[in-house]
Amino acid sequence: MAARPPSSILLVIRGPIARSDLPGLCERVCAALTAAAPAVARCDVRTVPADAVTADALCRLQLAARRTGCEVRLLGASRELRELLDLMGLRDVLPADDDAG
């Protein structure tokens, strides 16, 4: 009997994120998603700043996840990061699993 893939995995995204970090970050996350094949990837973003590079990185991760049939959900997003995502019209694209900040 084949093992079922996990329904979710936890990814810890550490910040700050430089624009030059984006390709490597996406590559590592894609490898983890391909290996685990979860339905949901919960991304702990407690240490990332609320800036455009972080928003770009999270959008790229969501796009990569959706290509594998997965969904990214944020954990521990700061109030500032949630407000930035809301301002950018990305609140529905990058939903949060909690209201902690």
N, C-alpha and C. Protein backbone atom coordinates (compact mmCIF):
# COMPACT_ATOMS: atom_id res chain seq x y z
N MET A 1 0.85 -1.18 0.00
CA MET A 1 0.00 0.00 0.00
C MET A 1 0.89 1.24 0.00
N ALA A 2 0.64 2.14 -0.91
CA ALA A 2 1.43 3.37 -1.01
C ALA A 2 1.04 4.34 0.09
N ALA A 3 2.03 5.05 0.61
CA ALA A 3 1.77 6.04 1.65
C ALA A 3 1.05 7.23 1.03
N ARG A 4 0.08 7.76 1.76
CA ARG A 4 -0.63 8.96 1.29
C ARG A 4 0.23 10.19 1.56
N PRO A 5 0.19 11.16 0.66
CA PRO A 5 0.95 12.38 0.91
C PRO A 5 0.34 13.14 2.09
N PRO A 6 1.16 13.92 2.77
CA PRO A 6 0.63 14.69 3.89
C PRO A 6 -0.37 15.73 3.40
N SER A 7 -1.34 16.03 4.24
CA SER A 7 -2.32 17.05 3.83
C SER A 7 -1.73 18.44 3.89
N SER A 8 -0.68 18.61 4.71
CA SER A 8 -0.03 19.92 4.76
C SER A 8 1.42 19.76 5.20
N ILE A 9 2.22 20.76 4.84
CA ILE A 9 3.59 20.84 5.33
C ILE A 9 3.81 22.25 5.85
N LEU A 10 4.81 22.39 6.70
CA LEU A 10 5.17 23.69 7.25
C LEU A 10 6.48 24.13 6.62
N LEU A 11 6.47 25.32 6.06
CA LEU A 11 7.67 25.94 5.51
C LEU A 11 7.96 27.18 6.33
N VAL A 12 9.18 27.33 6.78
CA VAL A 12 9.57 28.52 7.54
C VAL A 12 10.35 29.42 6.59
N ILE A 13 9.81 30.60 6.35
CA ILE A 13 10.44 31.59 5.48
C ILE A 13 11.08 32.63 6.39
N ARG A 14 12.40 32.74 6.29
CA ARG A 14 13.12 33.68 7.13
C ARG A 14 13.44 34.95 6.34
N GLY A 15 13.43 36.06 7.04
CA GLY A 15 13.71 37.33 6.40
C GLY A 15 14.88 38.01 7.04
N PRO A 16 15.31 39.08 6.47
CA PRO A 16 14.75 39.70 5.27
C PRO A 16 15.09 38.91 4.01
N ILE A 17 14.31 39.12 2.97
CA ILE A 17 14.50 38.44 1.70
C ILE A 17 15.03 39.48 0.70
N ALA A 18 16.16 39.18 0.10
CA ALA A 18 16.71 40.05 -0.95
C ALA A 18 16.17 39.59 -2.29
N ARG A 19 16.07 40.50 -3.22
CA ARG A 19 15.57 40.13 -4.55
C ARG A 19 16.42 39.01 -5.16
N SER A 20 17.72 39.02 -4.89
CA SER A 20 18.61 37.98 -5.41
C SER A 20 18.36 36.61 -4.78
N ASP A 21 17.63 36.57 -3.65
CA ASP A 21 17.29 35.32 -2.98
C ASP A 21 16.11 34.60 -3.64
N LEU A 22 15.33 35.32 -4.45
CA LEU A 22 14.07 34.76 -4.98
C LEU A 22 14.24 33.48 -5.78
N PRO A 23 15.16 33.40 -6.73
CA PRO A 23 15.26 32.15 -7.50
C PRO A 23 15.57 30.94 -6.62
N GLY A 24 16.52 31.07 -5.71
CA GLY A 24 16.88 29.96 -4.82
C GLY A 24 15.75 29.58 -3.88
N LEU A 25 15.07 30.57 -3.35
CA LEU A 25 13.94 30.31 -2.45
C LEU A 25 12.86 29.54 -3.19
N CYS A 26 12.51 29.99 -4.37
CA CYS A 26 11.48 29.31 -5.16
C CYS A 26 11.91 27.89 -5.51
N GLU A 27 13.16 27.72 -5.85
CA GLU A 27 13.67 26.39 -6.20
C GLU A 27 13.56 25.44 -5.01
N ARG A 28 13.95 25.90 -3.82
CA ARG A 28 13.89 25.04 -2.62
C ARG A 28 12.45 24.71 -2.26
N VAL A 29 11.57 25.69 -2.35
CA VAL A 29 10.16 25.44 -2.01
C VAL A 29 9.53 24.50 -3.04
N CYS A 30 9.82 24.69 -4.30
CA CYS A 30 9.28 23.79 -5.34
C CYS A 30 9.74 22.35 -5.10
N ALA A 31 11.00 22.18 -4.73
CA ALA A 31 11.52 20.84 -4.45
C ALA A 31 10.78 20.21 -3.27
N ALA A 32 10.54 21.00 -2.23
CA ALA A 32 9.83 20.48 -1.05
C ALA A 32 8.39 20.11 -1.41
N LEU A 33 7.74 20.94 -2.21
CA LEU A 33 6.35 20.67 -2.60
C LEU A 33 6.26 19.45 -3.50
N THR A 34 7.20 19.30 -4.39
CA THR A 34 7.21 18.14 -5.28
C THR A 34 7.44 16.86 -4.50
N ALA A 35 8.36 16.91 -3.53
CA ALA A 35 8.68 15.72 -2.74
C ALA A 35 7.53 15.32 -1.82
N ALA A 36 6.87 16.29 -1.20
CA ALA A 36 5.84 15.99 -0.21
C ALA A 36 4.43 15.89 -0.81
N ALA A 37 4.18 16.61 -1.89
CA ALA A 37 2.86 16.65 -2.54
C ALA A 37 1.71 16.94 -1.57
N PRO A 38 1.84 17.99 -0.76
CA PRO A 38 0.77 18.32 0.18
C PRO A 38 -0.36 19.09 -0.50
N ALA A 39 -1.49 19.13 0.17
CA ALA A 39 -2.60 19.95 -0.31
C ALA A 39 -2.39 21.41 0.09
N VAL A 40 -1.77 21.61 1.24
CA VAL A 40 -1.56 22.96 1.77
C VAL A 40 -0.12 23.09 2.27
N ALA A 41 0.50 24.22 1.93
CA ALA A 41 1.81 24.56 2.47
C ALA A 41 1.61 25.75 3.39
N ARG A 42 1.79 25.54 4.67
CA ARG A 42 1.67 26.62 5.64
C ARG A 42 3.05 27.27 5.77
N CYS A 43 3.12 28.56 5.47
CA CYS A 43 4.38 29.29 5.49
C CYS A 43 4.45 30.18 6.72
N ASP A 44 5.37 29.85 7.60
CA ASP A 44 5.61 30.67 8.78
C ASP A 44 6.41 31.88 8.33
N VAL A 45 5.80 33.05 8.40
CA VAL A 45 6.42 34.29 7.91
C VAL A 45 6.65 35.29 9.04
N ARG A 46 6.81 34.79 10.26
CA ARG A 46 6.96 35.66 11.43
C ARG A 46 8.15 36.60 11.33
N THR A 47 9.22 36.18 10.63
CA THR A 47 10.45 36.99 10.62
C THR A 47 10.65 37.79 9.34
N VAL A 48 9.69 37.74 8.42
CA VAL A 48 9.88 38.50 7.17
C VAL A 48 9.33 39.91 7.32
N PRO A 49 10.01 40.88 6.73
CA PRO A 49 9.51 42.26 6.79
C PRO A 49 8.35 42.46 5.83
N ALA A 50 7.59 43.49 6.08
CA ALA A 50 6.48 43.86 5.19
C ALA A 50 7.04 44.78 4.12
N ASP A 51 7.49 44.19 3.02
CA ASP A 51 8.00 45.00 1.91
C ASP A 51 7.66 44.34 0.59
N ALA A 52 7.97 45.04 -0.49
CA ALA A 52 7.60 44.58 -1.83
C ALA A 52 8.31 43.28 -2.21
N VAL A 53 9.55 43.10 -1.76
CA VAL A 53 10.27 41.87 -2.09
C VAL A 53 9.61 40.68 -1.41
N THR A 54 9.20 40.85 -0.18
CA THR A 54 8.51 39.77 0.53
C THR A 54 7.20 39.44 -0.18
N ALA A 55 6.44 40.44 -0.56
CA ALA A 55 5.18 40.21 -1.26
C ALA A 55 5.44 39.47 -2.58
N ASP A 56 6.47 39.87 -3.30
CA ASP A 56 6.84 39.22 -4.56
C ASP A 56 7.19 37.76 -4.30
N ALA A 57 8.02 37.51 -3.28
CA ALA A 57 8.42 36.14 -2.96
C ALA A 57 7.21 35.27 -2.63
N LEU A 58 6.31 35.79 -1.82
CA LEU A 58 5.14 35.01 -1.42
C LEU A 58 4.22 34.74 -2.60
N CYS A 59 4.08 35.69 -3.49
CA CYS A 59 3.27 35.47 -4.70
C CYS A 59 3.89 34.41 -5.59
N ARG A 60 5.21 34.45 -5.72
CA ARG A 60 5.90 33.44 -6.52
C ARG A 60 5.72 32.05 -5.91
N LEU A 61 5.79 31.99 -4.58
CA LEU A 61 5.61 30.70 -3.91
C LEU A 61 4.19 30.18 -4.11
N GLN A 62 3.21 31.07 -4.03
CA GLN A 62 1.82 30.66 -4.24
C GLN A 62 1.63 30.15 -5.67
N LEU A 63 2.20 30.83 -6.64
CA LEU A 63 2.09 30.40 -8.03
C LEU A 63 2.72 29.02 -8.22
N ALA A 64 3.92 28.84 -7.68
CA ALA A 64 4.59 27.54 -7.78
C ALA A 64 3.78 26.45 -7.09
N ALA A 65 3.22 26.77 -5.93
CA ALA A 65 2.42 25.79 -5.19
C ALA A 65 1.19 25.39 -5.98
N ARG A 66 0.50 26.35 -6.54
CA ARG A 66 -0.71 26.05 -7.30
C ARG A 66 -0.42 25.20 -8.52
N ARG A 67 0.75 25.36 -9.08
CA ARG A 67 1.14 24.52 -10.23
C ARG A 67 1.29 23.06 -9.83
N THR A 68 1.51 22.80 -8.55
CA THR A 68 1.62 21.41 -8.06
C THR A 68 0.33 20.95 -7.39
N GLY A 69 -0.73 21.76 -7.47
CA GLY A 69 -1.99 21.39 -6.85
C GLY A 69 -2.06 21.70 -5.37
N CYS A 70 -1.20 22.58 -4.91
CA CYS A 70 -1.09 22.94 -3.49
C CYS A 70 -1.53 24.39 -3.31
N GLU A 71 -1.76 24.78 -2.07
CA GLU A 71 -2.10 26.16 -1.74
C GLU A 71 -1.21 26.64 -0.60
N VAL A 72 -0.67 27.85 -0.73
CA VAL A 72 0.12 28.46 0.34
C VAL A 72 -0.82 29.24 1.25
N ARG A 73 -0.65 29.05 2.55
CA ARG A 73 -1.37 29.82 3.56
C ARG A 73 -0.33 30.35 4.54
N LEU A 74 -0.50 31.60 4.95
CA LEU A 74 0.47 32.27 5.81
C LEU A 74 0.19 32.03 7.28
N LEU A 75 1.26 31.84 8.03
CA LEU A 75 1.19 31.71 9.49
C LEU A 75 2.03 32.81 10.11
N GLY A 76 1.49 33.46 11.11
CA GLY A 76 2.25 34.46 11.85
C GLY A 76 2.55 35.74 11.09
N ALA A 77 1.76 36.04 10.08
CA ALA A 77 1.98 37.28 9.32
C ALA A 77 1.74 38.48 10.22
N SER A 78 2.66 39.42 10.19
CA SER A 78 2.50 40.63 11.00
C SER A 78 1.34 41.46 10.48
N ARG A 79 0.87 42.34 11.32
CA ARG A 79 -0.20 43.25 10.92
C ARG A 79 0.24 44.07 9.71
N GLU A 80 1.49 44.50 9.72
CA GLU A 80 2.02 45.30 8.62
C GLU A 80 2.04 44.51 7.31
N LEU A 81 2.44 43.24 7.38
CA LEU A 81 2.47 42.42 6.17
C LEU A 81 1.05 42.17 5.66
N ARG A 82 0.12 41.89 6.56
CA ARG A 82 -1.27 41.68 6.14
C ARG A 82 -1.83 42.96 5.52
N GLU A 83 -1.51 44.11 6.10
CA GLU A 83 -1.99 45.38 5.54
C GLU A 83 -1.39 45.65 4.16
N LEU A 84 -0.10 45.34 3.99
CA LEU A 84 0.55 45.53 2.69
C LEU A 84 -0.10 44.63 1.64
N LEU A 85 -0.31 43.38 1.97
CA LEU A 85 -0.94 42.44 1.04
C LEU A 85 -2.35 42.90 0.70
N ASP A 86 -3.05 43.43 1.68
CA ASP A 86 -4.40 43.95 1.44
C ASP A 86 -4.34 45.16 0.51
N LEU A 87 -3.41 46.07 0.76
CA LEU A 87 -3.25 47.26 -0.08
C LEU A 87 -2.92 46.88 -1.52
N MET A 88 -2.15 45.82 -1.69
CA MET A 88 -1.75 45.36 -3.02
C MET A 88 -2.82 44.49 -3.68
N GLY A 89 -3.92 44.25 -2.98
CA GLY A 89 -4.99 43.42 -3.52
C GLY A 89 -4.67 41.94 -3.49
N LEU A 90 -3.80 41.53 -2.57
CA LEU A 90 -3.34 40.15 -2.53
C LEU A 90 -3.86 39.35 -1.33
N ARG A 91 -4.75 39.93 -0.57
CA ARG A 91 -5.24 39.24 0.64
C ARG A 91 -5.87 37.90 0.29
N ASP A 92 -6.64 37.83 -0.80
CA ASP A 92 -7.27 36.57 -1.19
C ASP A 92 -6.29 35.62 -1.87
N VAL A 93 -5.24 36.15 -2.45
CA VAL A 93 -4.23 35.34 -3.10
C VAL A 93 -3.34 34.66 -2.07
N LEU A 94 -3.06 35.36 -0.97
CA LEU A 94 -2.20 34.86 0.09
C LEU A 94 -2.95 34.87 1.43
N PRO A 95 -3.86 33.92 1.61
CA PRO A 95 -4.67 33.91 2.83
C PRO A 95 -3.84 33.53 4.05
N ALA A 96 -4.25 34.02 5.20
CA ALA A 96 -3.58 33.71 6.46
C ALA A 96 -4.39 32.67 7.22
N ASP A 97 -3.69 31.76 7.87
CA ASP A 97 -4.34 30.74 8.68
C ASP A 97 -4.65 31.26 10.09
N ASP A 98 -4.07 32.38 10.42
CA ASP A 98 -4.27 32.91 11.77
C ASP A 98 -4.30 34.42 11.74
N ASP A 99 -4.64 34.99 12.85
CA ASP A 99 -4.66 36.44 12.95
C ASP A 99 -3.54 36.93 13.85
N ALA A 100 -2.61 36.03 14.22
CA ALA A 100 -1.52 36.42 15.08
C ALA A 100 -0.57 37.32 14.31
N GLY A 101 0.07 38.18 15.03
CA GLY A 101 1.00 39.06 14.34
C GLY A 101 2.06 39.54 15.22
